[in-house]
Amino acid sequence: MIRIASGGLWLGVGLAKMAALVWLIDERWQLALLALLAAWSLAGLALWLRRLHRA
């Protein structure tokens, strides 16, 4: 179950990074920054979840 949740989080990281790229191209800097912040947060949560699973 934790693997599925971690995989979903990594999928969210990829989607957030794609959204940030699109918004950067459209010159919507605040939305791009928010998407990058969301990507970093999701990545941190996925790594924390994996570490919790291994402990």
PDB file of N, CA and C in Angstrom:
ATOM      1  N   MET A   1       0.829  -1.201   0.000  1.00  0.00           N
ATOM      2  CA  MET A   1       0.000   0.000   0.000  1.00  0.00           C
ATOM      3  C   MET A   1       0.870   1.259   0.000  1.00  0.00           C
ATOM      4  N   ILE A   2       1.955   1.204   0.767  1.00  0.00           N
ATOM      5  CA  ILE A   2       2.835   2.371   0.833  1.00  0.00           C
ATOM      6  C   ILE A   2       3.522   2.594  -0.514  1.00  0.00           C
ATOM      7  N   ARG A   3       3.848   1.500  -1.224  1.00  0.00           N
ATOM      8  CA  ARG A   3       4.459   1.630  -2.549  1.00  0.00           C
ATOM      9  C   ARG A   3       3.518   2.326  -3.522  1.00  0.00           C
ATOM     10  N   ILE A   4       2.239   1.993  -3.456  1.00  0.00           N
ATOM     11  CA  ILE A   4       1.257   2.613  -4.343  1.00  0.00           C
ATOM     12  C   ILE A   4       1.132   4.095  -4.020  1.00  0.00           C
ATOM     13  N   ALA A   5       1.087   4.425  -2.739  1.00  0.00           N
ATOM     14  CA  ALA A   5       0.993   5.827  -2.332  1.00  0.00           C
ATOM     15  C   ALA A   5       2.242   6.594  -2.753  1.00  0.00           C
ATOM     16  N   SER A   6       3.398   5.993  -2.587  1.00  0.00           N
ATOM     17  CA  SER A   6       4.647   6.640  -2.988  1.00  0.00           C
ATOM     18  C   SER A   6       4.688   6.843  -4.500  1.00  0.00           C
ATOM     19  N   GLY A   7       4.241   5.838  -5.245  1.00  0.00           N
ATOM     20  CA  GLY A   7       4.182   5.974  -6.700  1.00  0.00           C
ATOM     21  C   GLY A   7       3.241   7.087  -7.127  1.00  0.00           C
ATOM     22  N   GLY A   8       2.118   7.192  -6.449  1.00  0.00           N
ATOM     23  CA  GLY A   8       1.176   8.279  -6.739  1.00  0.00           C
ATOM     24  C   GLY A   8       1.769   9.646  -6.445  1.00  0.00           C
ATOM     25  N   LEU A   9       2.537   9.729  -5.367  1.00  0.00           N
ATOM     26  CA  LEU A   9       3.191  10.998  -5.039  1.00  0.00           C
ATOM     27  C   LEU A   9       4.215  11.372  -6.103  1.00  0.00           C
ATOM     28  N   TRP A  10       4.993  10.377  -6.582  1.00  0.00           N
ATOM     29  CA  TRP A  10       5.978  10.671  -7.624  1.00  0.00           C
ATOM     30  C   TRP A  10       5.288  11.068  -8.930  1.00  0.00           C
ATOM     31  N   LEU A  11       4.133  10.488  -9.207  1.00  0.00           N
ATOM     32  CA  LEU A  11       3.353  10.908 -10.374  1.00  0.00           C
ATOM     33  C   LEU A  11       2.920  12.365 -10.208  1.00  0.00           C
ATOM     34  N   GLY A  12       2.511  12.713  -9.007  1.00  0.00           N
ATOM     35  CA  GLY A  12       2.144  14.097  -8.729  1.00  0.00           C
ATOM     36  C   GLY A  12       3.314  15.052  -8.892  1.00  0.00           C
ATOM     37  N   VAL A  13       4.512  14.601  -8.529  1.00  0.00           N
ATOM     38  CA  VAL A  13       5.712  15.423  -8.720  1.00  0.00           C
ATOM     39  C   VAL A  13       5.905  15.723 -10.200  1.00  0.00           C
ATOM     40  N   GLY A  14       5.787  14.694 -11.024  1.00  0.00           N
ATOM     41  CA  GLY A  14       5.947  14.883 -12.458  1.00  0.00           C
ATOM     42  C   GLY A  14       4.897  15.816 -13.042  1.00  0.00           C
ATOM     43  N   LEU A  15       3.670  15.654 -12.609  1.00  0.00           N
ATOM     44  CA  LEU A  15       2.602  16.517 -13.112  1.00  0.00           C
ATOM     45  C   LEU A  15       2.795  17.972 -12.674  1.00  0.00           C
ATOM     46  N   ALA A  16       3.223  18.156 -11.450  1.00  0.00           N
ATOM     47  CA  ALA A  16       3.454  19.522 -10.959  1.00  0.00           C
ATOM     48  C   ALA A  16       4.606  20.180 -11.711  1.00  0.00           C
ATOM     49  N   LYS A  17       5.644  19.401 -12.027  1.00  0.00           N
ATOM     50  CA  LYS A  17       6.765  19.960 -12.790  1.00  0.00           C
ATOM     51  C   LYS A  17       6.336  20.324 -14.214  1.00  0.00           C
ATOM     52  N   MET A  18       5.482  19.509 -14.805  1.00  0.00           N
ATOM     53  CA  MET A  18       4.969  19.827 -16.144  1.00  0.00           C
ATOM     54  C   MET A  18       4.117  21.091 -16.106  1.00  0.00           C
ATOM     55  N   ALA A  19       3.288  21.212 -15.082  1.00  0.00           N
ATOM     56  CA  ALA A  19       2.461  22.409 -14.940  1.00  0.00           C
ATOM     57  C   ALA A  19       3.339  23.644 -14.766  1.00  0.00           C
ATOM     58  N   ALA A  20       4.396  23.512 -13.996  1.00  0.00           N
ATOM     59  CA  ALA A  20       5.313  24.641 -13.794  1.00  0.00           C
ATOM     60  C   ALA A  20       5.952  25.051 -15.116  1.00  0.00           C
ATOM     61  N   LEU A  21       6.334  24.077 -15.913  1.00  0.00           N
ATOM     62  CA  LEU A  21       6.937  24.390 -17.207  1.00  0.00           C
ATOM     63  C   LEU A  21       5.953  25.110 -18.119  1.00  0.00           C
ATOM     64  N   VAL A  22       4.720  24.642 -18.145  1.00  0.00           N
ATOM     65  CA  VAL A  22       3.699  25.298 -18.983  1.00  0.00           C
ATOM     66  C   VAL A  22       3.468  26.725 -18.515  1.00  0.00           C
ATOM     67  N   TRP A  23       3.382  26.912 -17.207  1.00  0.00           N
ATOM     68  CA  TRP A  23       3.137  28.255 -16.696  1.00  0.00           C
ATOM     69  C   TRP A  23       4.342  29.169 -16.889  1.00  0.00           C
ATOM     70  N   LEU A  24       5.540  28.612 -16.881  1.00  0.00           N
ATOM     71  CA  LEU A  24       6.716  29.433 -17.184  1.00  0.00           C
ATOM     72  C   LEU A  24       6.684  29.900 -18.634  1.00  0.00           C
ATOM     73  N   ILE A  25       6.286  29.012 -19.523  1.00  0.00           N
ATOM     74  CA  ILE A  25       6.176  29.387 -20.938  1.00  0.00           C
ATOM     75  C   ILE A  25       5.116  30.469 -21.119  1.00  0.00           C
ATOM     76  N   ASP A  26       4.017  30.362 -20.371  1.00  0.00           N
ATOM     77  CA  ASP A  26       2.950  31.367 -20.442  1.00  0.00           C
ATOM     78  C   ASP A  26       3.257  32.622 -19.632  1.00  0.00           C
ATOM     79  N   GLU A  27       4.431  32.658 -19.011  1.00  0.00           N
ATOM     80  CA  GLU A  27       4.889  33.789 -18.192  1.00  0.00           C
ATOM     81  C   GLU A  27       3.976  34.064 -16.991  1.00  0.00           C
ATOM     82  N   ARG A  28       3.520  33.011 -16.382  1.00  0.00           N
ATOM     83  CA  ARG A  28       2.764  33.125 -15.128  1.00  0.00           C
ATOM     84  C   ARG A  28       3.683  32.667 -14.011  1.00  0.00           C
ATOM     85  N   TRP A  29       4.526  33.585 -13.564  1.00  0.00           N
ATOM     86  CA  TRP A  29       5.621  33.250 -12.664  1.00  0.00           C
ATOM     87  C   TRP A  29       5.144  32.759 -11.308  1.00  0.00           C
ATOM     88  N   GLN A  30       4.096  33.401 -10.778  1.00  0.00           N
ATOM     89  CA  GLN A  30       3.631  32.995  -9.445  1.00  0.00           C
ATOM     90  C   GLN A  30       3.066  31.570  -9.456  1.00  0.00           C
ATOM     91  N   LEU A  31       2.302  31.236 -10.493  1.00  0.00           N
ATOM     92  CA  LEU A  31       1.754  29.890 -10.575  1.00  0.00           C
ATOM     93  C   LEU A  31       2.857  28.856 -10.800  1.00  0.00           C
ATOM     94  N   ALA A  32       3.854  29.218 -11.589  1.00  0.00           N
ATOM     95  CA  ALA A  32       4.974  28.301 -11.823  1.00  0.00           C
ATOM     96  C   ALA A  32       5.732  28.052 -10.521  1.00  0.00           C
ATOM     97  N   LEU A  33       5.963  29.096  -9.757  1.00  0.00           N
ATOM     98  CA  LEU A  33       6.651  28.942  -8.478  1.00  0.00           C
ATOM     99  C   LEU A  33       5.830  28.090  -7.511  1.00  0.00           C
ATOM    100  N   LEU A  34       4.531  28.288  -7.511  1.00  0.00           N
ATOM    101  CA  LEU A  34       3.654  27.493  -6.653  1.00  0.00           C
ATOM    102  C   LEU A  34       3.681  26.016  -7.062  1.00  0.00           C
ATOM    103  N   ALA A  35       3.693  25.750  -8.361  1.00  0.00           N
ATOM    104  CA  ALA A  35       3.753  24.365  -8.834  1.00  0.00           C
ATOM    105  C   ALA A  35       5.084  23.720  -8.468  1.00  0.00           C
ATOM    106  N   LEU A  36       6.174  24.466  -8.571  1.00  0.00           N
ATOM    107  CA  LEU A  36       7.473  23.920  -8.179  1.00  0.00           C
ATOM    108  C   LEU A  36       7.534  23.648  -6.684  1.00  0.00           C
ATOM    109  N   LEU A  37       6.943  24.516  -5.917  1.00  0.00           N
ATOM    110  CA  LEU A  37       6.878  24.299  -4.467  1.00  0.00           C
ATOM    111  C   LEU A  37       6.058  23.054  -4.150  1.00  0.00           C
ATOM    112  N   ALA A  38       4.964  22.857  -4.873  1.00  0.00           N
ATOM    113  CA  ALA A  38       4.154  21.654  -4.681  1.00  0.00           C
ATOM    114  C   ALA A  38       4.945  20.410  -5.071  1.00  0.00           C
ATOM    115  N   ALA A  39       5.721  20.493  -6.156  1.00  0.00           N
ATOM    116  CA  ALA A  39       6.525  19.347  -6.589  1.00  0.00           C
ATOM    117  C   ALA A  39       7.556  18.978  -5.531  1.00  0.00           C
ATOM    118  N   TRP A  40       8.233  19.965  -4.987  1.00  0.00           N
ATOM    119  CA  TRP A  40       9.225  19.693  -3.947  1.00  0.00           C
ATOM    120  C   TRP A  40       8.562  19.118  -2.699  1.00  0.00           C
ATOM    121  N   SER A  41       7.393  19.617  -2.361  1.00  0.00           N
ATOM    122  CA  SER A  41       6.682  19.104  -1.181  1.00  0.00           C
ATOM    123  C   SER A  41       6.253  17.656  -1.385  1.00  0.00           C
ATOM    124  N   LEU A  42       5.732  17.344  -2.563  1.00  0.00           N
ATOM    125  CA  LEU A  42       5.328  15.969  -2.850  1.00  0.00           C
ATOM    126  C   LEU A  42       6.526  15.036  -2.863  1.00  0.00           C
ATOM    127  N   ALA A  43       7.651  15.486  -3.405  1.00  0.00           N
ATOM    128  CA  ALA A  43       8.864  14.662  -3.422  1.00  0.00           C
ATOM    129  C   ALA A  43       9.343  14.402  -1.995  1.00  0.00           C
ATOM    130  N   GLY A  44       9.328  15.417  -1.167  1.00  0.00           N
ATOM    131  CA  GLY A  44       9.726  15.239   0.232  1.00  0.00           C
ATOM    132  C   GLY A  44       8.806  14.286   0.963  1.00  0.00           C
ATOM    133  N   LEU A  45       7.522  14.380   0.696  1.00  0.00           N
ATOM    134  CA  LEU A  45       6.571  13.473   1.328  1.00  0.00           C
ATOM    135  C   LEU A  45       6.786  12.037   0.855  1.00  0.00           C
ATOM    136  N   ALA A  46       7.072  11.856  -0.435  1.00  0.00           N
ATOM    137  CA  ALA A  46       7.325  10.503  -0.959  1.00  0.00           C
ATOM    138  C   ALA A  46       8.582   9.908  -0.337  1.00  0.00           C
ATOM    139  N   LEU A  47       9.625  10.710  -0.201  1.00  0.00           N
ATOM    140  CA  LEU A  47      10.853  10.217   0.419  1.00  0.00           C
ATOM    141  C   LEU A  47      10.639   9.900   1.892  1.00  0.00           C
ATOM    142  N   TRP A  48       9.875  10.740   2.576  1.00  0.00           N
ATOM    143  CA  TRP A  48       9.589  10.485   3.986  1.00  0.00           C
ATOM    144  C   TRP A  48       8.780   9.200   4.145  1.00  0.00           C
ATOM    145  N   LEU A  49       7.823   8.988   3.236  1.00  0.00           N
ATOM    146  CA  LEU A  49       7.001   7.787   3.296  1.00  0.00           C
ATOM    147  C   LEU A  49       7.840   6.532   3.059  1.00  0.00           C
ATOM    148  N   ARG A  50       8.773   6.604   2.128  1.00  0.00           N
ATOM    149  CA  ARG A  50       9.658   5.459   1.868  1.00  0.00           C
ATOM    150  C   ARG A  50      10.544   5.172   3.077  1.00  0.00           C
ATOM    151  N   ARG A  51      11.044   6.237   3.699  1.00  0.00           N
ATOM    152  CA  ARG A  51      11.890   6.053   4.888  1.00  0.00           C
ATOM    153  C   ARG A  51      11.083   5.474   6.043  1.00  0.00           C
ATOM    154  N   LEU A  52       9.861   5.920   6.189  1.00  0.00           N
ATOM    155  CA  LEU A  52       8.988   5.393   7.221  1.00  0.00           C
ATOM    156  C   LEU A  52       8.704   3.922   6.994  1.00  0.00           C
ATOM    157  N   HIS A  53       8.568   3.529   5.738  1.00  0.00           N
ATOM    158  CA  HIS A  53       8.287   2.142   5.399  1.00  0.00           C
ATOM    159  C   HIS A  53       9.479   1.241   5.703  1.00  0.00           C
ATOM    160  N   ARG A  54      10.690   1.744   5.482  1.00  0.00           N
ATOM    161  CA  ARG A  54      11.895   0.943   5.713  1.00  0.00           C
ATOM    162  C   ARG A  54      12.249   0.827   7.191  1.00  0.00           C
ATOM    163  N   ALA A  55      11.787   1.745   8.005  1.00  0.00           N
ATOM    164  CA  ALA A  55      12.131   1.722   9.438  1.00  0.00           C
ATOM    165  C   ALA A  55      11.371   0.677  10.207  1.00  0.00           C
TER     166      ALA A  55
END
